[in-house]
Amino acid sequence: MNSTLSLDRIRAALRSMPDTLEAIDGDGTRDERLVAHTRLGRTLRPAAVMMLLADHGDGQPRLVLTQRTAHLADHAGQISLPGGRVEAEDGSPEAAALREATEEIGADGGRIEILGVLPRYVTITAYDITPVVAATPAQHWRADPHEVADVFEIPLAHLLDDAHWRRDSLWREGRLREYWAVPWRERYIWGATAGMLRTFRNLLVSS
């Protein structure tokens, strides 16, 4: 497996994505999460995130990530993909992801190409997330100070190398839950973000 994938190969992988590809979770499948939320009477909230690949012209696509601000009620300080709830006026997860990327990191939507979507990911907090894969020429990012403390990029090659991944665990709701993590320098990428990135990685290495 070549650790550097061109955008053309990524487009091809998304077009030929097998129906059997499942969203990777730490301690259960999407269907198991759906059953659990239904049993508890929870209504899933549609959301979308953007896996935005910045092309710097060197054949090394870089994934754009954010660090959330410390004062937020949910996932404060964590590493995230740009994204949020799908609003009625969005019309599609792709439109929602594009809107959120514009709001959170100051992305120029006119320079972003949607490449495809990955299998939906259901979180423990009852969000039904559609990961939208997109590409852009290198841009200057501008963080929304209310939601985003920092915007940074990591090489896609880092995510493709299985040696950088690990399984960690924590106690939550009375049980030990496992999850994927993929540290990058001083950053600790875990939880739903790492789960969706793991799905993306598995698709690319099998293509």
N, C-alpha and C. Protein backbone atom coordinates (compact mmCIF):
# COMPACT_ATOMS: atom_id res chain seq x y z
N MET A 1 0.84 -1.20 0.00
CA MET A 1 0.00 0.00 0.00
C MET A 1 0.87 1.25 0.00
N ASN A 2 0.73 2.07 -1.03
CA ASN A 2 1.45 3.33 -1.10
C ASN A 2 0.90 4.28 -0.04
N SER A 3 1.81 4.86 0.76
CA SER A 3 1.34 5.73 1.85
C SER A 3 0.89 7.09 1.34
N THR A 4 1.09 7.37 0.04
CA THR A 4 0.63 8.63 -0.52
C THR A 4 -0.38 8.34 -1.62
N LEU A 5 -1.61 8.74 -1.40
CA LEU A 5 -2.67 8.49 -2.37
C LEU A 5 -3.02 9.79 -3.09
N SER A 6 -3.13 9.70 -4.40
CA SER A 6 -3.56 10.87 -5.17
C SER A 6 -5.06 11.07 -4.96
N LEU A 7 -5.52 12.28 -5.23
CA LEU A 7 -6.95 12.56 -5.12
C LEU A 7 -7.73 11.71 -6.12
N ASP A 8 -7.15 11.42 -7.27
CA ASP A 8 -7.84 10.56 -8.25
C ASP A 8 -8.08 9.17 -7.67
N ARG A 9 -7.13 8.63 -6.96
CA ARG A 9 -7.31 7.31 -6.34
C ARG A 9 -8.33 7.36 -5.21
N ILE A 10 -8.37 8.47 -4.51
CA ILE A 10 -9.36 8.61 -3.44
C ILE A 10 -10.76 8.70 -4.04
N ARG A 11 -10.90 9.46 -5.13
CA ARG A 11 -12.19 9.53 -5.82
C ARG A 11 -12.64 8.14 -6.26
N ALA A 12 -11.71 7.37 -6.83
CA ALA A 12 -12.03 6.03 -7.32
C ALA A 12 -12.44 5.12 -6.17
N ALA A 13 -11.76 5.23 -5.03
CA ALA A 13 -12.09 4.40 -3.88
C ALA A 13 -13.49 4.69 -3.37
N LEU A 14 -13.87 5.96 -3.35
CA LEU A 14 -15.20 6.33 -2.90
C LEU A 14 -16.28 5.87 -3.89
N ARG A 15 -15.99 5.96 -5.19
CA ARG A 15 -16.96 5.51 -6.19
C ARG A 15 -17.20 4.02 -6.10
N SER A 16 -16.15 3.26 -5.78
CA SER A 16 -16.27 1.79 -5.75
C SER A 16 -16.41 1.25 -4.34
N MET A 17 -16.81 2.10 -3.40
CA MET A 17 -16.92 1.69 -2.00
C MET A 17 -17.90 0.52 -1.86
N PRO A 18 -17.48 -0.58 -1.23
CA PRO A 18 -18.38 -1.73 -1.10
C PRO A 18 -19.54 -1.46 -0.15
N ASP A 19 -20.68 -2.07 -0.42
CA ASP A 19 -21.85 -1.91 0.44
C ASP A 19 -21.60 -2.48 1.84
N THR A 20 -20.62 -3.38 1.94
CA THR A 20 -20.34 -4.04 3.21
C THR A 20 -19.46 -3.21 4.13
N LEU A 21 -18.94 -2.07 3.63
CA LEU A 21 -18.09 -1.24 4.49
C LEU A 21 -18.92 -0.66 5.62
N GLU A 22 -18.48 -0.88 6.86
CA GLU A 22 -19.21 -0.40 8.03
C GLU A 22 -18.42 0.70 8.73
N ALA A 23 -19.15 1.62 9.33
CA ALA A 23 -18.51 2.62 10.16
C ALA A 23 -17.85 1.94 11.35
N ILE A 24 -16.60 2.30 11.59
CA ILE A 24 -15.85 1.68 12.67
C ILE A 24 -16.17 2.38 13.98
N ASP A 25 -16.53 1.60 14.97
CA ASP A 25 -16.81 2.15 16.29
C ASP A 25 -15.93 1.46 17.31
N GLY A 26 -15.85 2.05 18.48
CA GLY A 26 -14.99 1.48 19.50
C GLY A 26 -15.56 0.23 20.12
N ASP A 27 -16.86 0.23 20.41
CA ASP A 27 -17.42 -0.88 21.17
C ASP A 27 -18.77 -1.34 20.62
N GLY A 28 -19.00 -1.17 19.34
CA GLY A 28 -20.25 -1.63 18.76
C GLY A 28 -20.43 -1.11 17.35
N THR A 29 -21.33 -1.74 16.61
CA THR A 29 -21.59 -1.32 15.25
C THR A 29 -22.66 -0.23 15.23
N ARG A 30 -22.86 0.37 14.06
CA ARG A 30 -23.89 1.39 13.93
C ARG A 30 -25.26 0.80 14.26
N ASP A 31 -25.53 -0.40 13.76
CA ASP A 31 -26.83 -1.02 14.02
C ASP A 31 -27.05 -1.25 15.51
N GLU A 32 -26.00 -1.65 16.21
CA GLU A 32 -26.13 -1.87 17.65
C GLU A 32 -26.41 -0.56 18.38
N ARG A 33 -25.79 0.52 17.94
CA ARG A 33 -26.07 1.82 18.53
C ARG A 33 -27.52 2.23 18.26
N LEU A 34 -28.00 1.97 17.02
CA LEU A 34 -29.37 2.31 16.68
C LEU A 34 -30.35 1.58 17.59
N VAL A 35 -30.12 0.29 17.81
CA VAL A 35 -31.00 -0.51 18.67
C VAL A 35 -30.99 0.05 20.10
N ALA A 36 -29.79 0.39 20.58
CA ALA A 36 -29.69 0.90 21.95
C ALA A 36 -30.43 2.22 22.11
N HIS A 37 -30.27 3.13 21.15
CA HIS A 37 -30.95 4.42 21.24
C HIS A 37 -32.47 4.25 21.13
N THR A 38 -32.92 3.35 20.26
CA THR A 38 -34.35 3.10 20.11
C THR A 38 -34.94 2.55 21.41
N ARG A 39 -34.22 1.65 22.02
CA ARG A 39 -34.69 1.06 23.28
C ARG A 39 -34.83 2.11 24.36
N LEU A 40 -33.98 3.12 24.33
CA LEU A 40 -34.03 4.18 25.33
C LEU A 40 -34.95 5.32 24.93
N GLY A 41 -35.61 5.20 23.79
CA GLY A 41 -36.54 6.22 23.34
C GLY A 41 -35.88 7.48 22.81
N ARG A 42 -34.64 7.39 22.37
CA ARG A 42 -33.92 8.55 21.87
C ARG A 42 -34.16 8.74 20.38
N THR A 43 -34.31 9.97 19.96
CA THR A 43 -34.43 10.30 18.55
C THR A 43 -33.07 10.72 18.02
N LEU A 44 -32.63 10.10 16.94
CA LEU A 44 -31.34 10.44 16.38
C LEU A 44 -31.38 11.82 15.73
N ARG A 45 -30.31 12.56 15.90
CA ARG A 45 -30.20 13.90 15.33
C ARG A 45 -29.22 13.86 14.15
N PRO A 46 -29.68 14.19 12.94
CA PRO A 46 -28.79 14.13 11.78
C PRO A 46 -27.70 15.19 11.86
N ALA A 47 -26.49 14.79 11.50
CA ALA A 47 -25.35 15.69 11.50
C ALA A 47 -24.43 15.32 10.34
N ALA A 48 -23.50 16.20 10.06
CA ALA A 48 -22.53 15.94 8.99
C ALA A 48 -21.20 16.56 9.38
N VAL A 49 -20.13 15.89 8.98
CA VAL A 49 -18.78 16.44 9.16
C VAL A 49 -18.07 16.41 7.82
N MET A 50 -17.06 17.25 7.68
CA MET A 50 -16.30 17.29 6.44
C MET A 50 -14.88 16.79 6.67
N MET A 51 -14.54 15.72 5.94
CA MET A 51 -13.15 15.26 5.87
C MET A 51 -12.51 15.98 4.69
N LEU A 52 -11.94 17.15 4.97
CA LEU A 52 -11.43 18.02 3.92
C LEU A 52 -9.94 17.78 3.72
N LEU A 53 -9.59 17.39 2.49
CA LEU A 53 -8.21 17.11 2.14
C LEU A 53 -7.64 18.31 1.40
N ALA A 54 -6.61 18.92 1.97
CA ALA A 54 -5.95 20.07 1.36
C ALA A 54 -4.81 19.59 0.47
N ASP A 55 -4.84 20.04 -0.78
CA ASP A 55 -3.83 19.67 -1.77
C ASP A 55 -2.82 20.81 -1.90
N HIS A 56 -1.60 20.56 -1.42
CA HIS A 56 -0.53 21.57 -1.48
C HIS A 56 0.34 21.42 -2.73
N GLY A 57 -0.07 20.53 -3.64
CA GLY A 57 0.66 20.36 -4.89
C GLY A 57 1.90 19.50 -4.80
N ASP A 58 2.08 18.82 -3.66
CA ASP A 58 3.27 17.98 -3.49
C ASP A 58 2.93 16.49 -3.46
N GLY A 59 1.68 16.15 -3.80
CA GLY A 59 1.29 14.74 -3.78
C GLY A 59 1.05 14.18 -2.41
N GLN A 60 0.96 15.05 -1.41
CA GLN A 60 0.77 14.63 -0.02
C GLN A 60 -0.48 15.32 0.54
N PRO A 61 -1.68 14.80 0.26
CA PRO A 61 -2.90 15.43 0.80
C PRO A 61 -2.84 15.50 2.32
N ARG A 62 -3.38 16.58 2.86
CA ARG A 62 -3.41 16.77 4.31
C ARG A 62 -4.85 16.95 4.76
N LEU A 63 -5.20 16.28 5.84
CA LEU A 63 -6.55 16.36 6.39
C LEU A 63 -6.65 17.56 7.34
N VAL A 64 -7.73 18.31 7.19
CA VAL A 64 -7.94 19.50 8.02
C VAL A 64 -8.75 19.11 9.26
N LEU A 65 -8.23 19.43 10.43
CA LEU A 65 -8.89 19.14 11.70
C LEU A 65 -8.95 20.40 12.55
N THR A 66 -9.83 20.37 13.54
CA THR A 66 -9.95 21.49 14.46
C THR A 66 -9.79 21.03 15.89
N GLN A 67 -9.40 21.94 16.75
CA GLN A 67 -9.46 21.73 18.19
C GLN A 67 -10.55 22.63 18.73
N ARG A 68 -11.52 22.02 19.40
CA ARG A 68 -12.65 22.79 19.89
C ARG A 68 -12.23 23.66 21.08
N THR A 69 -12.94 24.77 21.25
CA THR A 69 -12.63 25.67 22.35
C THR A 69 -12.99 25.03 23.69
N ALA A 70 -12.37 25.52 24.74
CA ALA A 70 -12.51 24.90 26.06
C ALA A 70 -13.84 25.17 26.73
N HIS A 71 -14.59 26.18 26.27
CA HIS A 71 -15.81 26.57 26.98
C HIS A 71 -17.07 25.89 26.44
N LEU A 72 -16.95 25.09 25.38
CA LEU A 72 -18.13 24.48 24.78
C LEU A 72 -18.74 23.43 25.71
N ALA A 73 -20.05 23.26 25.61
CA ALA A 73 -20.75 22.29 26.47
C ALA A 73 -20.43 20.86 26.07
N ASP A 74 -20.25 20.61 24.77
CA ASP A 74 -19.99 19.25 24.29
C ASP A 74 -18.58 19.14 23.72
N HIS A 75 -17.84 18.14 24.19
CA HIS A 75 -16.53 17.78 23.63
C HIS A 75 -15.55 18.95 23.65
N ALA A 76 -15.58 19.72 24.71
CA ALA A 76 -14.68 20.86 24.83
C ALA A 76 -13.22 20.42 24.72
N GLY A 77 -12.45 21.16 23.93
CA GLY A 77 -11.02 20.91 23.79
C GLY A 77 -10.64 19.72 22.93
N GLN A 78 -11.61 18.98 22.46
CA GLN A 78 -11.29 17.77 21.70
C GLN A 78 -10.96 18.10 20.24
N ILE A 79 -10.32 17.14 19.58
CA ILE A 79 -10.02 17.26 18.16
C ILE A 79 -11.23 16.79 17.37
N SER A 80 -11.64 17.58 16.39
CA SER A 80 -12.86 17.29 15.64
C SER A 80 -12.65 17.57 14.15
N LEU A 81 -13.57 17.03 13.37
CA LEU A 81 -13.72 17.42 11.98
C LEU A 81 -14.71 18.58 11.91
N PRO A 82 -14.54 19.53 11.01
CA PRO A 82 -15.54 20.59 10.89
C PRO A 82 -16.91 19.98 10.63
N GLY A 83 -17.92 20.42 11.35
CA GLY A 83 -19.25 19.85 11.14
C GLY A 83 -20.22 20.21 12.23
N GLY A 84 -21.44 19.71 12.07
CA GLY A 84 -22.49 19.99 13.04
C GLY A 84 -23.81 19.42 12.56
N ARG A 85 -24.89 19.88 13.15
CA ARG A 85 -26.22 19.38 12.81
C ARG A 85 -26.60 19.74 11.37
N VAL A 86 -27.37 18.84 10.76
CA VAL A 86 -27.96 19.13 9.45
C VAL A 86 -29.25 19.90 9.70
N GLU A 87 -29.31 21.15 9.26
CA GLU A 87 -30.49 21.98 9.43
C GLU A 87 -31.44 21.81 8.25
N ALA A 88 -32.71 22.13 8.48
CA ALA A 88 -33.72 21.95 7.44
C ALA A 88 -33.36 22.70 6.16
N GLU A 89 -32.78 23.88 6.31
CA GLU A 89 -32.46 24.68 5.13
C GLU A 89 -31.25 24.16 4.36
N ASP A 90 -30.49 23.23 4.95
CA ASP A 90 -29.31 22.70 4.26
C ASP A 90 -29.70 21.86 3.05
N GLY A 91 -30.68 21.00 3.22
CA GLY A 91 -31.15 20.18 2.12
C GLY A 91 -30.40 18.87 1.95
N SER A 92 -29.17 18.77 2.44
CA SER A 92 -28.39 17.54 2.30
C SER A 92 -27.23 17.56 3.29
N PRO A 93 -26.69 16.39 3.65
CA PRO A 93 -25.50 16.37 4.51
C PRO A 93 -24.31 17.08 3.87
N GLU A 94 -24.17 16.96 2.55
CA GLU A 94 -23.06 17.63 1.88
C GLU A 94 -23.15 19.15 2.06
N ALA A 95 -24.36 19.69 1.89
CA ALA A 95 -24.55 21.13 2.07
C ALA A 95 -24.28 21.55 3.51
N ALA A 96 -24.71 20.72 4.46
CA ALA A 96 -24.47 21.03 5.87
C ALA A 96 -22.98 21.03 6.19
N ALA A 97 -22.26 20.04 5.68
CA ALA A 97 -20.82 19.96 5.93
C ALA A 97 -20.10 21.15 5.33
N LEU A 98 -20.52 21.55 4.14
CA LEU A 98 -19.91 22.71 3.49
C LEU A 98 -20.19 24.00 4.28
N ARG A 99 -21.43 24.14 4.75
CA ARG A 99 -21.77 25.32 5.55
C ARG A 99 -20.94 25.36 6.83
N GLU A 100 -20.84 24.22 7.50
CA GLU A 100 -20.10 24.18 8.76
C GLU A 100 -18.62 24.47 8.54
N ALA A 101 -18.05 23.96 7.45
CA ALA A 101 -16.64 24.22 7.17
C ALA A 101 -16.41 25.71 6.90
N THR A 102 -17.37 26.34 6.25
CA THR A 102 -17.27 27.77 6.01
C THR A 102 -17.35 28.55 7.32
N GLU A 103 -18.27 28.15 8.20
CA GLU A 103 -18.46 28.86 9.46
C GLU A 103 -17.31 28.61 10.44
N GLU A 104 -16.86 27.36 10.56
CA GLU A 104 -15.91 26.99 11.60
C GLU A 104 -14.47 27.33 11.25
N ILE A 105 -14.08 27.12 9.98
CA ILE A 105 -12.67 27.29 9.63
C ILE A 105 -12.46 28.32 8.52
N GLY A 106 -13.53 29.03 8.14
CA GLY A 106 -13.40 30.05 7.12
C GLY A 106 -13.08 29.52 5.74
N ALA A 107 -13.50 28.30 5.45
CA ALA A 107 -13.21 27.69 4.15
C ALA A 107 -13.92 28.45 3.03
N ASP A 108 -13.26 28.56 1.89
CA ASP A 108 -13.86 29.11 0.68
C ASP A 108 -14.59 27.98 -0.03
N GLY A 109 -15.91 27.93 0.13
CA GLY A 109 -16.69 26.84 -0.42
C GLY A 109 -16.59 26.70 -1.92
N GLY A 110 -16.31 27.79 -2.62
CA GLY A 110 -16.18 27.75 -4.06
C GLY A 110 -14.96 26.99 -4.53
N ARG A 111 -14.03 26.72 -3.63
CA ARG A 111 -12.81 25.98 -3.98
C ARG A 111 -12.83 24.54 -3.48
N ILE A 112 -13.96 24.13 -2.92
CA ILE A 112 -14.07 22.78 -2.35
C ILE A 112 -14.82 21.87 -3.31
N GLU A 113 -14.26 20.69 -3.56
CA GLU A 113 -14.89 19.66 -4.40
C GLU A 113 -15.34 18.51 -3.50
N ILE A 114 -16.62 18.19 -3.52
CA ILE A 114 -17.13 17.03 -2.78
C ILE A 114 -16.75 15.76 -3.54
N LEU A 115 -16.06 14.85 -2.86
CA LEU A 115 -15.61 13.61 -3.48
C LEU A 115 -16.57 12.45 -3.24
N GLY A 116 -17.27 12.45 -2.12
CA GLY A 116 -18.18 11.36 -1.80
C GLY A 116 -18.48 11.33 -0.31
N VAL A 117 -19.24 10.34 0.11
CA VAL A 117 -19.58 10.20 1.53
C VAL A 117 -19.23 8.80 2.00
N LEU A 118 -18.98 8.70 3.29
CA LEU A 118 -18.69 7.43 3.94
C LEU A 118 -19.93 6.93 4.68
N PRO A 119 -19.92 5.67 5.13
CA PRO A 119 -21.06 5.17 5.91
C PRO A 119 -21.34 6.04 7.12
N ARG A 120 -22.62 6.22 7.42
CA ARG A 120 -23.02 7.06 8.54
C ARG A 120 -22.55 6.44 9.87
N TYR A 121 -22.28 7.33 10.81
CA TYR A 121 -21.73 6.95 12.10
C TYR A 121 -22.67 7.44 13.19
N VAL A 122 -23.14 6.53 14.03
CA VAL A 122 -24.03 6.89 15.14
C VAL A 122 -23.22 6.98 16.42
N THR A 123 -23.32 8.13 17.08
CA THR A 123 -22.54 8.34 18.29
C THR A 123 -23.32 7.90 19.53
N ILE A 124 -22.61 7.80 20.62
CA ILE A 124 -23.23 7.42 21.88
C ILE A 124 -24.19 8.50 22.36
N THR A 125 -24.02 9.73 21.85
CA THR A 125 -24.89 10.84 22.22
C THR A 125 -26.04 11.02 21.23
N ALA A 126 -26.29 10.02 20.38
CA ALA A 126 -27.44 9.96 19.48
C ALA A 126 -27.37 10.93 18.30
N TYR A 127 -26.17 11.21 17.83
CA TYR A 127 -26.02 11.92 16.56
C TYR A 127 -25.80 10.89 15.45
N ASP A 128 -26.48 11.08 14.33
CA ASP A 128 -26.34 10.22 13.16
C ASP A 128 -25.54 11.02 12.13
N ILE A 129 -24.24 10.75 12.07
CA ILE A 129 -23.31 11.61 11.34
C ILE A 129 -22.99 11.05 9.96
N THR A 130 -23.07 11.89 8.94
CA THR A 130 -22.61 11.55 7.60
C THR A 130 -21.25 12.19 7.38
N PRO A 131 -20.19 11.39 7.22
CA PRO A 131 -18.88 11.96 6.90
C PRO A 131 -18.79 12.27 5.40
N VAL A 132 -18.54 13.52 5.08
CA VAL A 132 -18.44 13.98 3.70
C VAL A 132 -16.97 14.19 3.36
N VAL A 133 -16.47 13.47 2.37
CA VAL A 133 -15.07 13.61 1.96
C VAL A 133 -14.98 14.66 0.86
N ALA A 134 -14.04 15.58 0.99
CA ALA A 134 -13.91 16.68 0.03
C ALA A 134 -12.44 17.03 -0.15
N ALA A 135 -12.17 17.79 -1.20
CA ALA A 135 -10.81 18.22 -1.48
C ALA A 135 -10.80 19.69 -1.84
N THR A 136 -9.66 20.33 -1.58
CA THR A 136 -9.49 21.74 -1.90
C THR A 136 -8.03 22.03 -2.15
N PRO A 137 -7.72 22.99 -3.01
CA PRO A 137 -6.35 23.51 -3.01
C PRO A 137 -6.06 24.12 -1.65
N ALA A 138 -4.80 24.25 -1.32
CA ALA A 138 -4.43 24.82 -0.02
C ALA A 138 -5.11 26.16 0.19
N GLN A 139 -5.66 26.34 1.37
CA GLN A 139 -6.34 27.58 1.74
C GLN A 139 -5.76 28.12 3.04
N HIS A 140 -6.07 29.37 3.31
CA HIS A 140 -5.73 29.97 4.61
C HIS A 140 -6.95 29.81 5.52
N TRP A 141 -6.78 29.10 6.63
CA TRP A 141 -7.91 28.80 7.51
C TRP A 141 -8.08 29.93 8.52
N ARG A 142 -9.34 30.20 8.85
CA ARG A 142 -9.68 31.25 9.81
C ARG A 142 -10.67 30.66 10.81
N ALA A 143 -10.21 30.42 12.03
CA ALA A 143 -11.02 29.74 13.04
C ALA A 143 -12.12 30.64 13.59
N ASP A 144 -13.31 30.08 13.74
CA ASP A 144 -14.39 30.76 14.44
C ASP A 144 -14.03 30.74 15.93
N PRO A 145 -13.77 31.88 16.54
CA PRO A 145 -13.27 31.89 17.92
C PRO A 145 -14.26 31.34 18.95
N HIS A 146 -15.54 31.29 18.59
CA HIS A 146 -16.51 30.76 19.55
C HIS A 146 -16.40 29.24 19.65
N GLU A 147 -16.16 28.57 18.53
CA GLU A 147 -16.17 27.11 18.51
C GLU A 147 -14.80 26.47 18.34
N VAL A 148 -13.88 27.17 17.70
CA VAL A 148 -12.63 26.54 17.27
C VAL A 148 -11.43 27.28 17.86
N ALA A 149 -10.63 26.54 18.64
CA ALA A 149 -9.43 27.12 19.22
C ALA A 149 -8.26 27.09 18.24
N ASP A 150 -8.25 26.10 17.34
CA ASP A 150 -7.13 25.97 16.40
C ASP A 150 -7.58 25.15 15.20
N VAL A 151 -7.00 25.46 14.05
CA VAL A 151 -7.18 24.67 12.83
C VAL A 151 -5.81 24.18 12.41
N PHE A 152 -5.70 22.89 12.12
CA PHE A 152 -4.39 22.34 11.73
C PHE A 152 -4.59 21.23 10.71
N GLU A 153 -3.51 20.83 10.08
CA GLU A 153 -3.55 19.78 9.06
C GLU A 153 -2.60 18.66 9.45
N ILE A 154 -3.01 17.42 9.12
CA ILE A 154 -2.10 16.29 9.31
C ILE A 154 -1.99 15.54 7.98
N PRO A 155 -0.84 14.96 7.68
CA PRO A 155 -0.70 14.23 6.42
C PRO A 155 -1.65 13.03 6.38
N LEU A 156 -2.29 12.84 5.25
CA LEU A 156 -3.13 11.66 5.10
C LEU A 156 -2.31 10.39 5.30
N ALA A 157 -1.04 10.43 4.92
CA ALA A 157 -0.17 9.26 5.08
C ALA A 157 -0.08 8.81 6.53
N HIS A 158 -0.20 9.76 7.47
CA HIS A 158 -0.15 9.40 8.89
C HIS A 158 -1.32 8.50 9.26
N LEU A 159 -2.49 8.79 8.69
CA LEU A 159 -3.69 8.00 8.99
C LEU A 159 -3.67 6.64 8.32
N LEU A 160 -2.98 6.54 7.19
CA LEU A 160 -2.94 5.27 6.47
C LEU A 160 -2.05 4.24 7.15
N ASP A 161 -1.08 4.69 7.92
CA ASP A 161 -0.11 3.79 8.57
C ASP A 161 -0.72 3.21 9.84
N ASP A 162 -0.96 1.92 9.85
CA ASP A 162 -1.61 1.28 11.00
C ASP A 162 -0.77 1.37 12.27
N ALA A 163 0.53 1.58 12.12
CA ALA A 163 1.41 1.67 13.29
C ALA A 163 1.07 2.88 14.15
N HIS A 164 0.38 3.86 13.58
CA HIS A 164 0.05 5.08 14.34
C HIS A 164 -1.27 4.95 15.12
N TRP A 165 -1.96 3.85 14.91
CA TRP A 165 -3.27 3.67 15.55
C TRP A 165 -3.14 2.81 16.80
N ARG A 166 -4.07 3.04 17.74
CA ARG A 166 -4.08 2.20 18.94
C ARG A 166 -5.50 2.12 19.49
N ARG A 167 -5.71 1.13 20.35
CA ARG A 167 -6.99 0.95 21.04
C ARG A 167 -6.83 1.39 22.47
N ASP A 168 -7.64 2.35 22.89
CA ASP A 168 -7.66 2.82 24.27
C ASP A 168 -9.04 2.55 24.86
N SER A 169 -9.20 2.84 26.15
CA SER A 169 -10.49 2.56 26.80
C SER A 169 -10.73 3.54 27.93
N LEU A 170 -12.01 3.66 28.30
CA LEU A 170 -12.40 4.47 29.46
C LEU A 170 -13.69 3.90 30.03
N TRP A 171 -13.95 4.25 31.30
CA TRP A 171 -15.20 3.85 31.93
C TRP A 171 -16.26 4.89 31.62
N ARG A 172 -17.42 4.42 31.12
CA ARG A 172 -18.53 5.32 30.82
C ARG A 172 -19.83 4.56 31.02
N GLU A 173 -20.75 5.19 31.74
CA GLU A 173 -22.06 4.61 32.00
C GLU A 173 -21.93 3.21 32.59
N GLY A 174 -20.98 3.06 33.50
CA GLY A 174 -20.83 1.82 34.24
C GLY A 174 -20.16 0.69 33.51
N ARG A 175 -19.52 0.96 32.37
CA ARG A 175 -18.85 -0.13 31.65
C ARG A 175 -17.58 0.40 31.00
N LEU A 176 -16.66 -0.53 30.76
CA LEU A 176 -15.41 -0.17 30.10
C LEU A 176 -15.64 -0.15 28.60
N ARG A 177 -15.42 0.98 27.99
CA ARG A 177 -15.65 1.14 26.55
C ARG A 177 -14.32 1.35 25.84
N GLU A 178 -14.16 0.62 24.74
CA GLU A 178 -12.96 0.76 23.92
C GLU A 178 -13.21 1.72 22.77
N TYR A 179 -12.15 2.34 22.32
CA TYR A 179 -12.27 3.25 21.18
C TYR A 179 -10.93 3.33 20.45
N TRP A 180 -10.99 3.81 19.21
CA TRP A 180 -9.78 4.02 18.43
C TRP A 180 -9.18 5.38 18.76
N ALA A 181 -7.86 5.45 18.68
CA ALA A 181 -7.14 6.71 18.84
C ALA A 181 -5.98 6.73 17.85
N VAL A 182 -5.68 7.92 17.35
CA VAL A 182 -4.55 8.08 16.42
C VAL A 182 -3.84 9.39 16.76
N PRO A 183 -2.91 9.33 17.70
CA PRO A 183 -2.20 10.55 18.10
C PRO A 183 -1.42 11.15 16.93
N TRP A 184 -1.30 12.47 16.96
CA TRP A 184 -0.49 13.20 15.98
C TRP A 184 0.27 14.28 16.72
N ARG A 185 1.61 14.09 16.83
CA ARG A 185 2.44 15.00 17.62
C ARG A 185 1.83 15.18 19.00
N GLU A 186 1.52 16.42 19.40
CA GLU A 186 0.95 16.61 20.74
C GLU A 186 -0.56 16.45 20.77
N ARG A 187 -1.17 16.14 19.63
CA ARG A 187 -2.63 16.02 19.55
C ARG A 187 -3.07 14.59 19.81
N TYR A 188 -4.22 14.44 20.44
CA TYR A 188 -4.79 13.13 20.72
C TYR A 188 -6.15 13.06 20.04
N ILE A 189 -6.22 12.32 18.95
CA ILE A 189 -7.44 12.20 18.14
C ILE A 189 -8.12 10.90 18.53
N TRP A 190 -9.36 10.98 19.00
CA TRP A 190 -10.03 9.78 19.51
C TRP A 190 -11.53 9.92 19.32
N GLY A 191 -12.27 8.93 19.87
CA GLY A 191 -13.73 8.98 19.87
C GLY A 191 -14.31 8.89 18.47
N ALA A 192 -15.42 9.61 18.25
CA ALA A 192 -16.13 9.54 16.97
C ALA A 192 -15.24 10.01 15.82
N THR A 193 -14.43 11.05 16.05
CA THR A 193 -13.55 11.53 14.99
C THR A 193 -12.60 10.44 14.54
N ALA A 194 -11.94 9.79 15.49
CA ALA A 194 -11.02 8.71 15.12
C ALA A 194 -11.77 7.54 14.49
N GLY A 195 -12.99 7.25 14.98
CA GLY A 195 -13.76 6.15 14.40
C GLY A 195 -14.07 6.39 12.93
N MET A 196 -14.48 7.60 12.59
CA MET A 196 -14.78 7.91 11.19
C MET A 196 -13.51 7.91 10.34
N LEU A 197 -12.42 8.41 10.90
CA LEU A 197 -11.15 8.39 10.17
C LEU A 197 -10.65 6.96 9.96
N ARG A 198 -10.91 6.09 10.92
CA ARG A 198 -10.52 4.69 10.78
C ARG A 198 -11.28 4.03 9.63
N THR A 199 -12.57 4.34 9.51
CA THR A 199 -13.36 3.82 8.39
C THR A 199 -12.77 4.30 7.06
N PHE A 200 -12.43 5.58 6.98
CA PHE A 200 -11.83 6.15 5.78
C PHE A 200 -10.52 5.46 5.47
N ARG A 201 -9.70 5.28 6.49
CA ARG A 201 -8.42 4.59 6.30
C ARG A 201 -8.61 3.18 5.78
N ASN A 202 -9.57 2.43 6.34
CA ASN A 202 -9.80 1.05 5.90
C ASN A 202 -10.25 1.00 4.45
N LEU A 203 -11.07 1.96 4.04
CA LEU A 203 -11.49 2.01 2.64
C LEU A 203 -10.28 2.23 1.73
N LEU A 204 -9.43 3.17 2.09
CA LEU A 204 -8.32 3.53 1.21
C LEU A 204 -7.27 2.42 1.12
N VAL A 205 -6.97 1.76 2.23
CA VAL A 205 -5.94 0.73 2.17
C VAL A 205 -6.42 -0.54 1.47
N SER A 206 -7.75 -0.70 1.36
CA SER A 206 -8.27 -1.90 0.70
C SER A 206 -8.57 -1.65 -0.79
N SER A 207 -8.37 -0.41 -1.24
CA SER A 207 -8.71 -0.06 -2.63
C SER A 207 -7.50 -0.26 -3.55
